[in-house]
C-alpha atoms as a PDB file:
ATOM      1  CA  UNK A   1     196.803  50.712 123.716  1.00  0.00           C
ATOM      2  CA  UNK A   2     199.869  51.967 126.032  1.00  0.00           C
ATOM      3  CA  UNK A   3     202.289  53.903 124.172  1.00  0.00           C
ATOM      4  CA  UNK A   4     205.760  52.293 124.147  1.00  0.00           C
ATOM      5  CA  UNK A   5     208.784  53.382 126.102  1.00  0.00           C
ATOM      6  CA  UNK A   6     211.634  52.374 122.941  1.00  0.00           C
ATOM      7  CA  UNK A   7     213.348  55.439 121.663  1.00  0.00           C
ATOM      8  CA  UNK A   8     212.564  54.649 118.514  1.00  0.00           C
ATOM      9  CA  UNK A   9     214.581  56.612 115.497  1.00  0.00           C
ATOM     10  CA  UNK A  10     213.233  54.370 111.512  1.00  0.00           C
ATOM     11  CA  UNK A  11     216.407  54.688 109.031  1.00  0.00           C
ATOM     12  CA  UNK A  12     213.199  55.771 106.875  1.00  0.00           C
ATOM     13  CA  UNK A  13     209.636  56.705 108.124  1.00  0.00           C
ATOM     14  CA  UNK A  14     207.470  55.141 105.298  1.00  0.00           C
ATOM     15  CA  UNK A  15     204.784  57.837 104.496  1.00  0.00           C
ATOM     16  CA  UNK A  16     203.237  59.787 101.620  1.00  0.00           C
ATOM     17  CA  UNK A  17     204.034  63.437 101.511  1.00  0.00           C
ATOM     18  CA  UNK A  18     201.396  65.721 102.894  1.00  0.00           C
ATOM     19  CA  UNK A  19     199.577  67.610 100.705  1.00  0.00           C
ATOM     20  CA  UNK A  20     199.542  71.464 100.344  1.00  0.00           C
ATOM     21  CA  UNK A  21     196.431  72.175 102.205  1.00  0.00           C
ATOM     22  CA  UNK A  22     196.260  70.854 105.987  1.00  0.00           C
ATOM     23  CA  UNK A  23     193.691  69.875 108.206  1.00  0.00           C
ATOM     24  CA  UNK A  24     193.075  67.326 110.598  1.00  0.00           C
ATOM     25  CA  UNK A  25     192.089  64.378 108.231  1.00  0.00           C
ATOM     26  CA  UNK A  26     195.249  64.642 106.087  1.00  0.00           C
ATOM     27  CA  UNK A  27     197.206  64.293 109.253  1.00  0.00           C
ATOM     28  CA  UNK A  28     195.706  60.930 110.474  1.00  0.00           C
ATOM     29  CA  UNK A  29     195.675  59.621 106.700  1.00  0.00           C
ATOM     30  CA  UNK A  30     199.334  60.696 107.232  1.00  0.00           C
ATOM     31  CA  UNK A  31     200.403  59.083 110.513  1.00  0.00           C
ATOM     32  CA  UNK A  32     198.347  56.645 109.756  1.00  0.00           C
ATOM     33  CA  UNK A  33     201.501  55.460 107.304  1.00  0.00           C
ATOM     34  CA  UNK A  34     203.774  55.530 110.384  1.00  0.00           C
ATOM     35  CA  UNK A  35     204.278  52.440 112.106  1.00  0.00           C
ATOM     36  CA  UNK A  36     207.424  52.399 114.535  1.00  0.00           C
ATOM     37  CA  UNK A  37     207.910  55.407 116.725  1.00  0.00           C
ATOM     38  CA  UNK A  38     204.050  56.524 116.116  1.00  0.00           C
ATOM     39  CA  UNK A  39     202.158  55.153 119.539  1.00  0.00           C
ATOM     40  CA  UNK A  40     197.979  55.577 119.350  1.00  0.00           C
ATOM     41  CA  UNK A  41     197.197  55.933 122.253  1.00  0.00           C
ATOM     42  CA  UNK A  42     193.032  56.679 124.284  1.00  0.00           C
ATOM     43  CA  UNK A  43     193.325  58.494 127.676  1.00  0.00           C
ATOM     44  CA  UNK A  44     190.163  58.550 129.848  1.00  0.00           C
ATOM     45  CA  UNK A  45     188.060  61.664 131.598  1.00  0.00           C
ATOM     46  CA  UNK A  46     190.822  63.339 133.764  1.00  0.00           C
ATOM     47  CA  UNK A  47     193.961  61.217 133.526  1.00  0.00           C
ATOM     48  CA  UNK A  48     197.323  63.017 133.247  1.00  0.00           C
ATOM     49  CA  UNK A  49     198.882  62.165 129.632  1.00  0.00           C
ATOM     50  CA  UNK A  50     201.603  64.159 131.013  1.00  0.00           C
ATOM     51  CA  UNK A  51     202.835  65.788 133.809  1.00  0.00           C
ATOM     52  CA  UNK A  52     204.654  68.559 134.576  1.00  0.00           C
ATOM     53  CA  UNK A  53     208.637  68.114 135.559  1.00  0.00           C
ATOM     54  CA  UNK A  54     208.317  64.394 133.356  1.00  0.00           C
ATOM     55  CA  UNK A  55     210.555  64.352 130.410  1.00  0.00           C
ATOM     56  CA  UNK A  56     210.151  65.664 127.330  1.00  0.00           C
ATOM     57  CA  UNK A  57     210.727  63.050 125.064  1.00  0.00           C
ATOM     58  CA  UNK A  58     208.293  62.706 122.747  1.00  0.00           C
ATOM     59  CA  UNK A  59     205.453  65.311 120.839  1.00  0.00           C
ATOM     60  CA  UNK A  60     201.474  64.509 120.928  1.00  0.00           C
ATOM     61  CA  UNK A  61     199.138  64.591 117.964  1.00  0.00           C
ATOM     62  CA  UNK A  62     195.399  64.788 119.397  1.00  0.00           C
ATOM     63  CA  UNK A  63     192.820  62.917 117.045  1.00  0.00           C
ATOM     64  CA  UNK A  64     189.889  63.210 119.323  1.00  0.00           C
ATOM     65  CA  UNK A  65     188.556  64.808 122.785  1.00  0.00           C
ATOM     66  CA  UNK A  66     189.742  67.781 124.109  1.00  0.00           C
ATOM     67  CA  UNK A  67     192.623  68.318 126.220  1.00  0.00           C
ATOM     68  CA  UNK A  68     194.039  71.043 129.154  1.00  0.00           C
ATOM     69  CA  UNK A  69     197.155  71.540 129.493  1.00  0.00           C
ATOM     70  CA  UNK A  70     197.756  73.621 133.124  1.00  0.00           C
ATOM     71  CA  UNK A  71     200.473  74.650 134.371  1.00  0.00           C
ATOM     72  CA  UNK A  72     201.528  75.179 138.545  1.00  0.00           C
ATOM     73  CA  UNK A  73     203.790  77.517 140.303  1.00  0.00           C
ATOM     74  CA  UNK A  74     205.827  76.578 143.346  1.00  0.00           C
ATOM     75  CA  UNK A  75     202.908  77.473 145.872  1.00  0.00           C
ATOM     76  CA  UNK A  76     200.760  75.135 144.551  1.00  0.00           C
ATOM     77  CA  UNK A  77     198.457  77.669 142.333  1.00  0.00           C
ATOM     78  CA  UNK A  78     197.606  76.513 138.847  1.00  0.00           C
ATOM     79  CA  UNK A  79     197.077  78.208 135.772  1.00  0.00           C
ATOM     80  CA  UNK A  80     195.218  76.703 132.200  1.00  0.00           C
ATOM     81  CA  UNK A  81     197.548  77.376 129.798  1.00  0.00           C
ATOM     82  CA  UNK A  82     195.464  75.755 126.618  1.00  0.00           C
ATOM     83  CA  UNK A  83     192.495  74.107 125.796  1.00  0.00           C
ATOM     84  CA  UNK A  84     193.045  71.663 122.752  1.00  0.00           C
ATOM     85  CA  UNK A  85     191.158  70.410 120.255  1.00  0.00           C
ATOM     86  CA  UNK A  86     191.458  66.950 117.928  1.00  0.00           C
ATOM     87  CA  UNK A  87     193.664  68.143 115.206  1.00  0.00           C
ATOM     88  CA  UNK A  88     196.499  69.490 117.394  1.00  0.00           C
ATOM     89  CA  UNK A  89     199.594  68.900 118.214  1.00  0.00           C
ATOM     90  CA  UNK A  90     201.235  69.908 121.854  1.00  0.00           C
ATOM     91  CA  UNK A  91     204.242  68.964 123.778  1.00  0.00           C
ATOM     92  CA  UNK A  92     206.532  69.886 120.880  1.00  0.00           C
ATOM     93  CA  UNK A  93     209.138  71.779 123.351  1.00  0.00           C
ATOM     94  CA  UNK A  94     211.419  68.759 123.350  1.00  0.00           C
ATOM     95  CA  UNK A  95     212.082  69.958 119.582  1.00  0.00           C
ATOM     96  CA  UNK A  96     213.653  72.313 120.576  1.00  0.00           C
ATOM     97  CA  UNK A  97     216.227  71.107 123.363  1.00  0.00           C
ATOM     98  CA  UNK A  98     213.187  70.917 126.148  1.00  0.00           C
ATOM     99  CA  UNK A  99     214.322  68.752 128.861  1.00  0.00           C
ATOM    100  CA  UNK A 100     211.284  68.399 130.931  1.00  0.00           C
ATOM    101  CA  UNK A 101     207.139  69.009 130.354  1.00  0.00           C
ATOM    102  CA  UNK A 102     206.153  72.698 131.651  1.00  0.00           C
ATOM    103  CA  UNK A 103     203.460  72.250 132.283  1.00  0.00           C
ATOM    104  CA  UNK A 104     201.068  68.857 132.889  1.00  0.00           C
ATOM    105  CA  UNK A 105     198.473  67.691 129.969  1.00  0.00           C
ATOM    106  CA  UNK A 106     195.512  66.207 131.232  1.00  0.00           C
ATOM    107  CA  UNK A 107     192.267  64.608 128.577  1.00  0.00           C
ATOM    108  CA  UNK A 108     189.173  66.624 129.577  1.00  0.00           C
ATOM    109  CA  UNK A 109     187.136  64.419 127.290  1.00  0.00           C
ATOM    110  CA  UNK A 110     187.551  60.954 126.426  1.00  0.00           C
ATOM    111  CA  UNK A 111     190.515  61.186 123.840  1.00  0.00           C
ATOM    112  CA  UNK A 112     192.632  59.437 121.159  1.00  0.00           C
ATOM    113  CA  UNK A 113     196.131  60.657 120.389  1.00  0.00           C
ATOM    114  CA  UNK A 114     199.249  59.743 118.655  1.00  0.00           C
ATOM    115  CA  UNK A 115     202.169  59.866 120.484  1.00  0.00           C
ATOM    116  CA  UNK A 116     205.848  60.228 118.057  1.00  0.00           C
ATOM    117  CA  UNK A 117     208.794  59.652 119.136  1.00  0.00           C
ATOM    118  CA  UNK A 118     210.522  62.785 119.038  1.00  0.00           C
ATOM    119  CA  UNK A 119     214.098  60.810 116.487  1.00  0.00           C
ATOM    120  CA  UNK A 120     211.032  59.628 114.477  1.00  0.00           C
ATOM    121  CA  UNK A 121     209.285  63.394 114.607  1.00  0.00           C
ATOM    122  CA  UNK A 122     213.038  65.311 113.900  1.00  0.00           C
ATOM    123  CA  UNK A 123     213.154  62.959 111.061  1.00  0.00           C
ATOM    124  CA  UNK A 124     210.360  63.639 109.355  1.00  0.00           C
ATOM    125  CA  UNK A 125     210.546  68.057 109.554  1.00  0.00           C
ATOM    126  CA  UNK A 126     214.158  66.963 108.402  1.00  0.00           C
ATOM    127  CA  UNK A 127     213.653  65.563 105.784  1.00  0.00           C
ATOM    128  CA  UNK A 128     209.696  66.009 103.806  1.00  0.00           C
ATOM    129  CA  UNK A 129     209.483  70.085 102.893  1.00  0.00           C
ATOM    130  CA  UNK A 130     206.157  69.845 103.591  1.00  0.00           C
ATOM    131  CA  UNK A 131     205.830  68.196 106.623  1.00  0.00           C
ATOM    132  CA  UNK A 132     207.587  70.521 108.112  1.00  0.00           C
ATOM    133  CA  UNK A 133     205.746  73.505 105.992  1.00  0.00           C
ATOM    134  CA  UNK A 134     202.931  72.153 107.771  1.00  0.00           C
ATOM    135  CA  UNK A 135     203.996  71.366 111.101  1.00  0.00           C
ATOM    136  CA  UNK A 136     205.089  75.775 111.233  1.00  0.00           C
ATOM    137  CA  UNK A 137     201.229  76.653 110.072  1.00  0.00           C
ATOM    138  CA  UNK A 138     200.796  74.639 112.531  1.00  0.00           C
ATOM    139  CA  UNK A 139     202.489  76.495 115.525  1.00  0.00           C
ATOM    140  CA  UNK A 140     202.498  79.958 114.100  1.00  0.00           C
ATOM    141  CA  UNK A 141     198.192  79.318 114.429  1.00  0.00           C
ATOM    142  CA  UNK A 142     198.735  78.602 117.548  1.00  0.00           C
ATOM    143  CA  UNK A 143     201.677  81.120 118.655  1.00  0.00           C
ATOM    144  CA  UNK A 144     198.727  83.802 117.198  1.00  0.00           C
ATOM    145  CA  UNK A 145     196.179  82.624 118.697  1.00  0.00           C
ATOM    146  CA  UNK A 146     197.938  82.676 122.563  1.00  0.00           C
ATOM    147  CA  UNK A 147     198.813  86.342 121.530  1.00  0.00           C
ATOM    148  CA  UNK A 148     195.593  87.054 120.891  1.00  0.00           C
ATOM    149  CA  UNK A 149     194.667  85.007 124.293  1.00  0.00           C
ATOM    150  CA  UNK A 150     197.118  87.822 126.086  1.00  0.00           C
ATOM    151  CA  UNK A 151     195.260  90.594 124.561  1.00  0.00           C
ATOM    152  CA  UNK A 152     192.196  89.795 125.434  1.00  0.00           C
ATOM    153  CA  UNK A 153     193.123  88.835 129.128  1.00  0.00           C
ATOM    154  CA  UNK A 154     194.557  92.021 129.433  1.00  0.00           C
ATOM    155  CA  UNK A 155     192.293  94.460 127.545  1.00  0.00           C
ATOM    156  CA  UNK A 156     188.671  92.759 127.847  1.00  0.00           C
ATOM    157  CA  UNK A 157     186.549  92.715 130.577  1.00  0.00           C
ATOM    158  CA  UNK A 158     185.428  90.434 131.579  1.00  0.00           C
ATOM    159  CA  UNK A 159     182.531  88.909 130.116  1.00  0.00           C
ATOM    160  CA  UNK A 160     183.614  89.032 126.437  1.00  0.00           C
ATOM    161  CA  UNK A 161     186.633  87.155 127.912  1.00  0.00           C
ATOM    162  CA  UNK A 162     184.199  84.254 129.341  1.00  0.00           C
ATOM    163  CA  UNK A 163     182.124  84.524 125.838  1.00  0.00           C
ATOM    164  CA  UNK A 164     185.546  84.293 123.878  1.00  0.00           C
ATOM    165  CA  UNK A 165     186.377  81.608 125.812  1.00  0.00           C
ATOM    166  CA  UNK A 166     182.922  80.144 124.987  1.00  0.00           C
ATOM    167  CA  UNK A 167     183.650  80.388 120.984  1.00  0.00           C
ATOM    168  CA  UNK A 168     186.410  78.769 120.729  1.00  0.00           C
ATOM    169  CA  UNK A 169     185.425  75.760 123.237  1.00  0.00           C
ATOM    170  CA  UNK A 170     182.248  75.365 120.143  1.00  0.00           C
ATOM    171  CA  UNK A 171     185.053  75.529 117.237  1.00  0.00           C
ATOM    172  CA  UNK A 172     182.943  78.622 116.362  1.00  0.00           C
ATOM    173  CA  UNK A 173     183.268  79.660 112.534  1.00  0.00           C
ATOM    174  CA  UNK A 174     182.580  75.997 111.795  1.00  0.00           C
ATOM    175  CA  UNK A 175     179.189  75.145 109.572  1.00  0.00           C
ATOM    176  CA  UNK A 176     176.682  74.718 112.727  1.00  0.00           C
ATOM    177  CA  UNK A 177     175.284  77.823 114.392  1.00  0.00           C
ATOM    178  CA  UNK A 178     175.423  76.108 117.416  1.00  0.00           C
ATOM    179  CA  UNK A 179     178.065  72.680 118.416  1.00  0.00           C
ATOM    180  CA  UNK A 180     178.162  70.889 121.874  1.00  0.00           C
ATOM    181  CA  UNK A 181     180.809  72.087 123.760  1.00  0.00           C
ATOM    182  CA  UNK A 182     182.095  69.870 126.868  1.00  0.00           C
ATOM    183  CA  UNK A 183     179.808  67.250 128.531  1.00  0.00           C
ATOM    184  CA  UNK A 184     181.220  67.869 131.777  1.00  0.00           C
ATOM    185  CA  UNK A 185     182.868  71.356 131.779  1.00  0.00           C
ATOM    186  CA  UNK A 186     182.736  73.106 135.038  1.00  0.00           C
ATOM    187  CA  UNK A 187     182.353  77.111 135.986  1.00  0.00           C
ATOM    188  CA  UNK A 188     185.456  76.289 138.269  1.00  0.00           C
ATOM    189  CA  UNK A 189     187.375  75.162 135.226  1.00  0.00           C
ATOM    190  CA  UNK A 190     186.096  78.241 133.376  1.00  0.00           C
ATOM    191  CA  UNK A 191     186.906  80.938 135.720  1.00  0.00           C
ATOM    192  CA  UNK A 192     190.914  79.289 135.816  1.00  0.00           C
ATOM    193  CA  UNK A 193     190.398  79.628 132.302  1.00  0.00           C
ATOM    194  CA  UNK A 194     189.109  83.671 132.284  1.00  0.00           C
ATOM    195  CA  UNK A 195     191.232  84.600 135.380  1.00  0.00           C
ATOM    196  CA  UNK A 196     188.215  85.535 137.197  1.00  0.00           C
ATOM    197  CA  UNK A 197     185.888  84.344 140.499  1.00  0.00           C
ATOM    198  CA  UNK A 198     183.710  81.317 139.938  1.00  0.00           C
ATOM    199  CA  UNK A 199     180.639  83.609 141.333  1.00  0.00           C
ATOM    200  CA  UNK A 200     180.926  85.683 138.908  1.00  0.00           C
ATOM    201  CA  UNK A 201     181.297  83.524 135.784  1.00  0.00           C
ATOM    202  CA  UNK A 202     177.970  82.232 137.397  1.00  0.00           C
ATOM    203  CA  UNK A 203     176.943  85.453 136.650  1.00  0.00           C
ATOM    204  CA  UNK A 204     177.256  86.142 133.470  1.00  0.00           C
ATOM    205  CA  UNK A 205     176.544  82.545 132.701  1.00  0.00           C
ATOM    206  CA  UNK A 206     173.397  83.208 134.064  1.00  0.00           C
ATOM    207  CA  UNK A 207     172.670  86.342 131.738  1.00  0.00           C
ATOM    208  CA  UNK A 208     173.972  84.307 128.245  1.00  0.00           C
ATOM    209  CA  UNK A 209     171.248  81.868 128.901  1.00  0.00           C
ATOM    210  CA  UNK A 210     168.082  84.042 129.713  1.00  0.00           C
ATOM    211  CA  UNK A 211     169.431  85.877 126.769  1.00  0.00           C
ATOM    212  CA  UNK A 212     169.774  82.199 124.897  1.00  0.00           C
ATOM    213  CA  UNK A 213     173.480  82.885 124.275  1.00  0.00           C
ATOM    214  CA  UNK A 214     174.014  79.446 125.332  1.00  0.00           C
ATOM    215  CA  UNK A 215     171.958  76.738 126.623  1.00  0.00           C
ATOM    216  CA  UNK A 216     171.540  73.507 128.569  1.00  0.00           C
ATOM    217  CA  UNK A 217     170.509  69.667 127.887  1.00  0.00           C
ATOM    218  CA  UNK A 218     169.278  67.512 130.288  1.00  0.00           C
ATOM    219  CA  UNK A 219     172.489  65.159 130.343  1.00  0.00           C
ATOM    220  CA  UNK A 220     174.527  68.453 131.678  1.00  0.00           C
ATOM    221  CA  UNK A 221     176.072  69.412 127.911  1.00  0.00           C
ATOM    222  CA  UNK A 222     175.945  72.707 126.556  1.00  0.00           C
ATOM    223  CA  UNK A 223     175.303  75.064 123.467  1.00  0.00           C
ATOM    224  CA  UNK A 224     176.854  77.697 122.402  1.00  0.00           C
ATOM    225  CA  UNK A 225     174.880  80.335 119.785  1.00  0.00           C
ATOM    226  CA  UNK A 226     175.960  82.566 117.426  1.00  0.00           C
ATOM    227  CA  UNK A 227     174.982  85.808 119.531  1.00  0.00           C
ATOM    228  CA  UNK A 228     177.425  84.994 122.018  1.00  0.00           C
ATOM    229  CA  UNK A 229     179.307  87.015 119.572  1.00  0.00           C
ATOM    230  CA  UNK A 230     178.017  89.797 120.433  1.00  0.00           C
ATOM    231  CA  UNK A 231     179.528  90.177 123.288  1.00  0.00           C
ATOM    232  CA  UNK A 232     182.950  89.979 121.979  1.00  0.00           C
ATOM    233  CA  UNK A 233     182.179  92.585 119.765  1.00  0.00           C
ATOM    234  CA  UNK A 234     180.707  94.882 121.937  1.00  0.00           C
ATOM    235  CA  UNK A 235     177.151  94.832 119.653  1.00  0.00           C
ATOM    236  CA  UNK A 236     174.967  94.293 123.154  1.00  0.00           C
ATOM    237  CA  UNK A 237     172.616  96.890 124.034  1.00  0.00           C
ATOM    238  CA  UNK A 238     171.981  98.919 126.676  1.00  0.00           C
ATOM    239  CA  UNK A 239     170.006  97.371 128.351  1.00  0.00           C
ATOM    240  CA  UNK A 240     171.684  93.392 127.502  1.00  0.00           C
ATOM    241  CA  UNK A 241     174.617  95.208 129.170  1.00  0.00           C
ATOM    242  CA  UNK A 242     173.327  96.770 132.089  1.00  0.00           C
ATOM    243  CA  UNK A 243     172.635  92.950 132.706  1.00  0.00           C
ATOM    244  CA  UNK A 244     176.916  92.371 133.156  1.00  0.00           C
ATOM    245  CA  UNK A 245     177.002  94.970 135.927  1.00  0.00           C
END
């Protein structure tokens, strides 16, 4: 279903207050109770959700899939700002008075989203303390991750940066020891995210595969295993470290 272009501002949001502990299923249930000012939208792989320079008039909630935020300079150079997973918000700059989108958002997988009109989001944040608190906690958590990304970029080796990106894409830390990352993630995208050349990414990926940190299936999918955490924590053996040189 296409998102509505109407700027709807309901008099009252007929929704239940969120619980004290917030997760993606909580947000799904909460947003299901919102009717006016919210639209459910499905975007196919590589489809642009919004483009850099578009009017910033809504907030998006990613129910499932993956979304890439990328900014392009005046000279045409693109930089990946973030890769978002299900349960995350984006486009919230409009709530702080941002008139135009500062980056392009595109689907890295078939994705399902809620598009929430700015007036509705503002009203919910003002009228429901729990929603406001959960939303702020979400933004603070993501800001911490961005700070970690910056520190990672400034101080860690390219091998560790790539390992960390793969672990983040795989949602490492869940109960499962390994999880599919992306069906069609390519090394050029990984190179942009890490800030190194594609050939360097290929070198490290072959190394990770050799040591069983990642593996591929016949359909092009990739799994990341817990052993890759050793690269990030610096616990590789001297023999393994020499392979990265």
